[in-house]
Amino acid sequence: MTYNEAIKLYGNSRRKMAEHLGLSVQAVQHYSKNPDKELPPARVYMIKHKYRSAKLGITDKPKVIMTAKAEVEKA
């Protein structure tokens, strides 16, 4: 996967791509210098895994719902 292919998945937004992958915008900008060059395999894996998860509604952070039930006693 090249940078050009990857950035299209994020609506051509470097910021969205950076946030989604947990990178700085500067790191994404580094890849844009050679847009037709293959991205490192680790980045391709991250993009495919996270992009697919986002489309399916799966996040890396588990959704935690906390509830509390208190009983009031008379003194």
PDB file of N, CA and C in Angstrom:
ATOM      1  N   MET A   1       0.853  -1.173   0.000  1.00  0.00           N
ATOM      2  CA  MET A   1       0.000   0.000   0.000  1.00  0.00           C
ATOM      3  C   MET A   1       0.898   1.234   0.000  1.00  0.00           C
ATOM      4  N   THR A   2       0.596   2.169  -0.863  1.00  0.00           N
ATOM      5  CA  THR A   2       1.356   3.409  -0.932  1.00  0.00           C
ATOM      6  C   THR A   2       0.680   4.478  -0.084  1.00  0.00           C
ATOM      7  N   TYR A   3       1.395   5.584   0.093  1.00  0.00           N
ATOM      8  CA  TYR A   3       0.823   6.707   0.826  1.00  0.00           C
ATOM      9  C   TYR A   3      -0.437   7.202   0.123  1.00  0.00           C
ATOM     10  N   ASN A   4      -0.383   7.310  -1.190  1.00  0.00           N
ATOM     11  CA  ASN A   4      -1.547   7.789  -1.948  1.00  0.00           C
ATOM     12  C   ASN A   4      -2.769   6.916  -1.714  1.00  0.00           C
ATOM     13  N   GLU A   5      -2.584   5.620  -1.673  1.00  0.00           N
ATOM     14  CA  GLU A   5      -3.702   4.700  -1.422  1.00  0.00           C
ATOM     15  C   GLU A   5      -4.216   4.860   0.004  1.00  0.00           C
ATOM     16  N   ALA A   6      -3.287   4.990   0.942  1.00  0.00           N
ATOM     17  CA  ALA A   6      -3.664   5.083   2.355  1.00  0.00           C
ATOM     18  C   ALA A   6      -4.395   6.381   2.668  1.00  0.00           C
ATOM     19  N   ILE A   7      -3.888   7.490   2.155  1.00  0.00           N
ATOM     20  CA  ILE A   7      -4.478   8.784   2.511  1.00  0.00           C
ATOM     21  C   ILE A   7      -5.895   8.910   1.981  1.00  0.00           C
ATOM     22  N   LYS A   8      -6.210   8.232   0.904  1.00  0.00           N
ATOM     23  CA  LYS A   8      -7.579   8.263   0.359  1.00  0.00           C
ATOM     24  C   LYS A   8      -8.575   7.664   1.354  1.00  0.00           C
ATOM     25  N   LEU A   9      -8.125   6.687   2.130  1.00  0.00           N
ATOM     26  CA  LEU A   9      -9.000   6.075   3.131  1.00  0.00           C
ATOM     27  C   LEU A   9      -9.413   7.061   4.215  1.00  0.00           C
ATOM     28  N   TYR A  10      -8.612   8.108   4.376  1.00  0.00           N
ATOM     29  CA  TYR A  10      -8.856   9.105   5.424  1.00  0.00           C
ATOM     30  C   TYR A  10      -9.348  10.429   4.836  1.00  0.00           C
ATOM     31  N   GLY A  11      -9.944  10.366   3.668  1.00  0.00           N
ATOM     32  CA  GLY A  11     -10.489  11.577   3.055  1.00  0.00           C
ATOM     33  C   GLY A  11      -9.423  12.597   2.719  1.00  0.00           C
ATOM     34  N   ASN A  12      -8.227  12.134   2.383  1.00  0.00           N
ATOM     35  CA  ASN A  12      -7.082  12.987   2.053  1.00  0.00           C
ATOM     36  C   ASN A  12      -6.677  13.903   3.199  1.00  0.00           C
ATOM     37  N   SER A  13      -6.934  13.488   4.434  1.00  0.00           N
ATOM     38  CA  SER A  13      -6.595  14.286   5.612  1.00  0.00           C
ATOM     39  C   SER A  13      -5.421  13.652   6.362  1.00  0.00           C
ATOM     40  N   ARG A  14      -4.305  14.354   6.367  1.00  0.00           N
ATOM     41  CA  ARG A  14      -3.137  13.872   7.123  1.00  0.00           C
ATOM     42  C   ARG A  14      -3.453  13.810   8.613  1.00  0.00           C
ATOM     43  N   ARG A  15      -4.193  14.811   9.074  1.00  0.00           N
ATOM     44  CA  ARG A  15      -4.527  14.863  10.504  1.00  0.00           C
ATOM     45  C   ARG A  15      -5.370  13.655  10.919  1.00  0.00           C
ATOM     46  N   LYS A  16      -6.380  13.323  10.122  1.00  0.00           N
ATOM     47  CA  LYS A  16      -7.221  12.165  10.444  1.00  0.00           C
ATOM     48  C   LYS A  16      -6.400  10.882  10.434  1.00  0.00           C
ATOM     49  N   MET A  17      -5.528  10.752   9.440  1.00  0.00           N
ATOM     50  CA  MET A  17      -4.691   9.558   9.358  1.00  0.00           C
ATOM     51  C   MET A  17      -3.774   9.461  10.571  1.00  0.00           C
ATOM     52  N   ALA A  18      -3.174  10.581  10.932  1.00  0.00           N
ATOM     53  CA  ALA A  18      -2.269  10.602  12.087  1.00  0.00           C
ATOM     54  C   ALA A  18      -3.004  10.242  13.373  1.00  0.00           C
ATOM     55  N   GLU A  19      -4.155  10.842  13.597  1.00  0.00           N
ATOM     56  CA  GLU A  19      -4.925  10.569  14.814  1.00  0.00           C
ATOM     57  C   GLU A  19      -5.365   9.112  14.872  1.00  0.00           C
ATOM     58  N   HIS A  20      -5.811   8.596  13.753  1.00  0.00           N
ATOM     59  CA  HIS A  20      -6.304   7.232  13.717  1.00  0.00           C
ATOM     60  C   HIS A  20      -5.212   6.209  13.990  1.00  0.00           C
ATOM     61  N   LEU A  21      -3.984   6.514  13.538  1.00  0.00           N
ATOM     62  CA  LEU A  21      -2.879   5.580  13.716  1.00  0.00           C
ATOM     63  C   LEU A  21      -2.044   5.881  14.953  1.00  0.00           C
ATOM     64  N   GLY A  22      -2.365   6.956  15.657  1.00  0.00           N
ATOM     65  CA  GLY A  22      -1.597   7.308  16.850  1.00  0.00           C
ATOM     66  C   GLY A  22      -0.226   7.858  16.505  1.00  0.00           C
ATOM     67  N   LEU A  23      -0.131   8.558  15.378  1.00  0.00           N
ATOM     68  CA  LEU A  23       1.123   9.141  14.928  1.00  0.00           C
ATOM     69  C   LEU A  23       1.030  10.658  14.973  1.00  0.00           C
ATOM     70  N   SER A  24       2.183  11.305  14.824  1.00  0.00           N
ATOM     71  CA  SER A  24       2.170  12.754  14.675  1.00  0.00           C
ATOM     72  C   SER A  24       1.858  13.090  13.219  1.00  0.00           C
ATOM     73  N   VAL A  25       1.375  14.287  13.006  1.00  0.00           N
ATOM     74  CA  VAL A  25       1.111  14.737  11.642  1.00  0.00           C
ATOM     75  C   VAL A  25       2.427  14.770  10.861  1.00  0.00           C
ATOM     76  N   GLN A  26       3.530  15.073  11.548  1.00  0.00           N
ATOM     77  CA  GLN A  26       4.834  15.118  10.897  1.00  0.00           C
ATOM     78  C   GLN A  26       5.243  13.741  10.387  1.00  0.00           C
ATOM     79  N   ALA A  27       4.899  12.689  11.121  1.00  0.00           N
ATOM     80  CA  ALA A  27       5.228  11.329  10.678  1.00  0.00           C
ATOM     81  C   ALA A  27       4.468  10.991   9.396  1.00  0.00           C
ATOM     82  N   VAL A  28       3.216  11.377   9.344  1.00  0.00           N
ATOM     83  CA  VAL A  28       2.420  11.137   8.142  1.00  0.00           C
ATOM     84  C   VAL A  28       2.958  11.990   6.997  1.00  0.00           C
ATOM     85  N   GLN A  29       3.347  13.205   7.300  1.00  0.00           N
ATOM     86  CA  GLN A  29       3.896  14.089   6.281  1.00  0.00           C
ATOM     87  C   GLN A  29       5.184  13.506   5.700  1.00  0.00           C
ATOM     88  N   HIS A  30       5.962  12.830   6.520  1.00  0.00           N
ATOM     89  CA  HIS A  30       7.189  12.182   6.049  1.00  0.00           C
ATOM     90  C   HIS A  30       6.877  11.190   4.929  1.00  0.00           C
ATOM     91  N   TYR A  31       5.815  10.431   5.087  1.00  0.00           N
ATOM     92  CA  TYR A  31       5.443   9.458   4.060  1.00  0.00           C
ATOM     93  C   TYR A  31       4.953  10.142   2.784  1.00  0.00           C
ATOM     94  N   SER A  32       4.438  11.353   2.914  1.00  0.00           N
ATOM     95  CA  SER A  32       3.905  12.048   1.738  1.00  0.00           C
ATOM     96  C   SER A  32       5.007  12.560   0.813  1.00  0.00           C
ATOM     97  N   LYS A  33       6.244  12.549   1.279  1.00  0.00           N
ATOM     98  CA  LYS A  33       7.358  13.009   0.438  1.00  0.00           C
ATOM     99  C   LYS A  33       7.586  12.079  -0.746  1.00  0.00           C
ATOM    100  N   ASN A  34       7.304  10.798  -0.572  1.00  0.00           N
ATOM    101  CA  ASN A  34       7.396   9.799  -1.640  1.00  0.00           C
ATOM    102  C   ASN A  34       6.057   9.071  -1.725  1.00  0.00           C
ATOM    103  N   PRO A  35       5.044   9.729  -2.275  1.00  0.00           N
ATOM    104  CA  PRO A  35       3.684   9.193  -2.195  1.00  0.00           C
ATOM    105  C   PRO A  35       3.440   7.878  -2.939  1.00  0.00           C
ATOM    106  N   ASP A  36       4.297   7.538  -3.900  1.00  0.00           N
ATOM    107  CA  ASP A  36       4.097   6.290  -4.640  1.00  0.00           C
ATOM    108  C   ASP A  36       4.965   5.146  -4.118  1.00  0.00           C
ATOM    109  N   LYS A  37       5.732   5.422  -3.078  1.00  0.00           N
ATOM    110  CA  LYS A  37       6.580   4.399  -2.463  1.00  0.00           C
ATOM    111  C   LYS A  37       5.741   3.590  -1.474  1.00  0.00           C
ATOM    112  N   GLU A  38       6.019   2.294  -1.385  1.00  0.00           N
ATOM    113  CA  GLU A  38       5.304   1.429  -0.448  1.00  0.00           C
ATOM    114  C   GLU A  38       5.562   1.879   0.995  1.00  0.00           C
ATOM    115  N   LEU A  39       4.514   1.904   1.791  1.00  0.00           N
ATOM    116  CA  LEU A  39       4.666   2.197   3.218  1.00  0.00           C
ATOM    117  C   LEU A  39       5.296   0.994   3.900  1.00  0.00           C
ATOM    118  N   PRO A  40       5.935   1.201   5.053  1.00  0.00           N
ATOM    119  CA  PRO A  40       6.490   0.061   5.790  1.00  0.00           C
ATOM    120  C   PRO A  40       5.388  -0.949   6.135  1.00  0.00           C
ATOM    121  N   PRO A  41       5.716  -2.229   6.134  1.00  0.00           N
ATOM    122  CA  PRO A  41       4.707  -3.271   6.411  1.00  0.00           C
ATOM    123  C   PRO A  41       3.946  -3.068   7.719  1.00  0.00           C
ATOM    124  N   ALA A  42       4.624  -2.569   8.735  1.00  0.00           N
ATOM    125  CA  ALA A  42       3.948  -2.352  10.020  1.00  0.00           C
ATOM    126  C   ALA A  42       2.853  -1.291   9.894  1.00  0.00           C
ATOM    127  N   ARG A  43       3.116  -0.238   9.115  1.00  0.00           N
ATOM    128  CA  ARG A  43       2.107   0.818   8.920  1.00  0.00           C
ATOM    129  C   ARG A  43       0.935   0.292   8.101  1.00  0.00           C
ATOM    130  N   VAL A  44       1.229  -0.520   7.100  1.00  0.00           N
ATOM    131  CA  VAL A  44       0.160  -1.093   6.277  1.00  0.00           C
ATOM    132  C   VAL A  44      -0.736  -1.957   7.151  1.00  0.00           C
ATOM    133  N   TYR A  45      -0.127  -2.746   8.018  1.00  0.00           N
ATOM    134  CA  TYR A  45      -0.913  -3.590   8.928  1.00  0.00           C
ATOM    135  C   TYR A  45      -1.793  -2.716   9.818  1.00  0.00           C
ATOM    136  N   MET A  46      -1.209  -1.654  10.386  1.00  0.00           N
ATOM    137  CA  MET A  46      -1.976  -0.770  11.260  1.00  0.00           C
ATOM    138  C   MET A  46      -3.159  -0.160  10.520  1.00  0.00           C
ATOM    139  N   ILE A  47      -2.916   0.299   9.304  1.00  0.00           N
ATOM    140  CA  ILE A  47      -3.983   0.937   8.527  1.00  0.00           C
ATOM    141  C   ILE A  47      -5.087  -0.063   8.229  1.00  0.00           C
ATOM    142  N   LYS A  48      -4.715  -1.233   7.746  1.00  0.00           N
ATOM    143  CA  LYS A  48      -5.728  -2.238   7.406  1.00  0.00           C
ATOM    144  C   LYS A  48      -6.500  -2.674   8.629  1.00  0.00           C
ATOM    145  N   HIS A  49      -5.801  -2.925   9.728  1.00  0.00           N
ATOM    146  CA  HIS A  49      -6.445  -3.400  10.954  1.00  0.00           C
ATOM    147  C   HIS A  49      -7.347  -2.321  11.548  1.00  0.00           C
ATOM    148  N   LYS A  50      -6.817  -1.123  11.715  1.00  0.00           N
ATOM    149  CA  LYS A  50      -7.589  -0.058  12.348  1.00  0.00           C
ATOM    150  C   LYS A  50      -8.702   0.451  11.455  1.00  0.00           C
ATOM    151  N   TYR A  51      -8.447   0.515  10.151  1.00  0.00           N
ATOM    152  CA  TYR A  51      -9.484   1.011   9.240  1.00  0.00           C
ATOM    153  C   TYR A  51     -10.650   0.034   9.208  1.00  0.00           C
ATOM    154  N   ARG A  52     -10.345  -1.245   9.131  1.00  0.00           N
ATOM    155  CA  ARG A  52     -11.396  -2.270   9.130  1.00  0.00           C
ATOM    156  C   ARG A  52     -12.158  -2.230  10.450  1.00  0.00           C
ATOM    157  N   SER A  53     -11.448  -2.100  11.551  1.00  0.00           N
ATOM    158  CA  SER A  53     -12.094  -2.054  12.864  1.00  0.00           C
ATOM    159  C   SER A  53     -13.006  -0.842  12.989  1.00  0.00           C
ATOM    160  N   ALA A  54     -12.565   0.287  12.465  1.00  0.00           N
ATOM    161  CA  ALA A  54     -13.371   1.502  12.543  1.00  0.00           C
ATOM    162  C   ALA A  54     -14.641   1.351  11.711  1.00  0.00           C
ATOM    163  N   LYS A  55     -14.526   0.747  10.550  1.00  0.00           N
ATOM    164  CA  LYS A  55     -15.700   0.545   9.700  1.00  0.00           C
ATOM    165  C   LYS A  55     -16.703  -0.392  10.358  1.00  0.00           C
ATOM    166  N   LEU A  56     -16.213  -1.324  11.166  1.00  0.00           N
ATOM    167  CA  LEU A  56     -17.091  -2.268  11.846  1.00  0.00           C
ATOM    168  C   LEU A  56     -17.567  -1.749  13.194  1.00  0.00           C
ATOM    169  N   GLY A  57     -17.078  -0.578  13.593  1.00  0.00           N
ATOM    170  CA  GLY A  57     -17.479  -0.001  14.869  1.00  0.00           C
ATOM    171  C   GLY A  57     -16.694  -0.542  16.047  1.00  0.00           C
ATOM    172  N   ILE A  58     -15.556  -1.161  15.781  1.00  0.00           N
ATOM    173  CA  ILE A  58     -14.715  -1.711  16.842  1.00  0.00           C
ATOM    174  C   ILE A  58     -13.633  -0.688  17.167  1.00  0.00           C
ATOM    175  N   THR A  59     -13.449  -0.406  18.431  1.00  0.00           N
ATOM    176  CA  THR A  59     -12.411   0.528  18.830  1.00  0.00           C
ATOM    177  C   THR A  59     -11.365  -0.206  19.656  1.00  0.00           C
ATOM    178  N   ASP A  60     -10.193   0.411  19.762  1.00  0.00           N
ATOM    179  CA  ASP A  60      -9.134  -0.173  20.586  1.00  0.00           C
ATOM    180  C   ASP A  60      -9.432  -0.007  22.068  1.00  0.00           C
ATOM    181  N   LYS A  61     -10.242   0.977  22.373  1.00  0.00           N
ATOM    182  CA  LYS A  61     -10.566   1.249  23.763  1.00  0.00           C
ATOM    183  C   LYS A  61     -11.895   0.587  24.094  1.00  0.00           C
ATOM    184  N   PRO A  62     -11.905  -0.287  25.065  1.00  0.00           N
ATOM    185  CA  PRO A  62     -13.170  -0.919  25.418  1.00  0.00           C
ATOM    186  C   PRO A  62     -14.141   0.102  26.011  1.00  0.00           C
ATOM    187  N   LYS A  63     -15.393  -0.078  25.716  1.00  0.00           N
ATOM    188  CA  LYS A  63     -16.408   0.813  26.252  1.00  0.00           C
ATOM    189  C   LYS A  63     -16.767   0.313  27.646  1.00  0.00           C
ATOM    190  N   VAL A  64     -16.606   1.171  28.620  1.00  0.00           N
ATOM    191  CA  VAL A  64     -16.870   0.803  29.998  1.00  0.00           C
ATOM    192  C   VAL A  64     -18.036   1.637  30.505  1.00  0.00           C
ATOM    193  N   ILE A  65     -19.010   0.958  31.036  1.00  0.00           N
ATOM    194  CA  ILE A  65     -20.159   1.643  31.623  1.00  0.00           C
ATOM    195  C   ILE A  65     -20.183   1.288  33.105  1.00  0.00           C
ATOM    196  N   MET A  66     -20.122   2.308  33.925  1.00  0.00           N
ATOM    197  CA  MET A  66     -20.126   2.082  35.365  1.00  0.00           C
ATOM    198  C   MET A  66     -21.439   2.584  35.937  1.00  0.00           C
ATOM    199  N   THR A  67     -22.008   1.805  36.792  1.00  0.00           N
ATOM    200  CA  THR A  67     -23.217   2.222  37.479  1.00  0.00           C
ATOM    201  C   THR A  67     -23.000   2.042  38.973  1.00  0.00           C
ATOM    202  N   ALA A  68     -23.686   2.846  39.724  1.00  0.00           N
ATOM    203  CA  ALA A  68     -23.571   2.746  41.180  1.00  0.00           C
ATOM    204  C   ALA A  68     -24.967   2.699  41.780  1.00  0.00           C
ATOM    205  N   LYS A  69     -25.111   1.846  42.754  1.00  0.00           N
ATOM    206  CA  LYS A  69     -26.397   1.746  43.443  1.00  0.00           C
ATOM    207  C   LYS A  69     -26.129   1.968  44.921  1.00  0.00           C
ATOM    208  N   ALA A  70     -26.721   2.997  45.427  1.00  0.00           N
ATOM    209  CA  ALA A  70     -26.501   3.333  46.833  1.00  0.00           C
ATOM    210  C   ALA A  70     -27.804   3.138  47.608  1.00  0.00           C
ATOM    211  N   GLU A  71     -27.637   2.651  48.803  1.00  0.00           N
ATOM    212  CA  GLU A  71     -28.786   2.489  49.688  1.00  0.00           C
ATOM    213  C   GLU A  71     -28.644   3.478  50.821  1.00  0.00           C
ATOM    214  N   VAL A  72     -29.725   4.122  51.126  1.00  0.00           N
ATOM    215  CA  VAL A  72     -29.720   5.126  52.186  1.00  0.00           C
ATOM    216  C   VAL A  72     -30.362   4.512  53.423  1.00  0.00           C
ATOM    217  N   GLU A  73     -29.639   4.598  54.523  1.00  0.00           N
ATOM    218  CA  GLU A  73     -30.168   4.080  55.786  1.00  0.00           C
ATOM    219  C   GLU A  73     -30.478   5.248  56.717  1.00  0.00           C
ATOM    220  N   LYS A  74     -31.550   5.107  57.451  1.00  0.00           N
ATOM    221  CA  LYS A  74     -31.887   6.148  58.431  1.00  0.00           C
ATOM    222  C   LYS A  74     -31.060   5.935  59.683  1.00  0.00           C
ATOM    223  N   ALA A  75     -30.581   7.032  60.231  1.00  0.00           N
ATOM    224  CA  ALA A  75     -29.731   6.950  61.421  1.00  0.00           C
ATOM    225  C   ALA A  75     -30.542   6.923  62.689  1.00  0.00           C
TER     226      ALA A  75
END
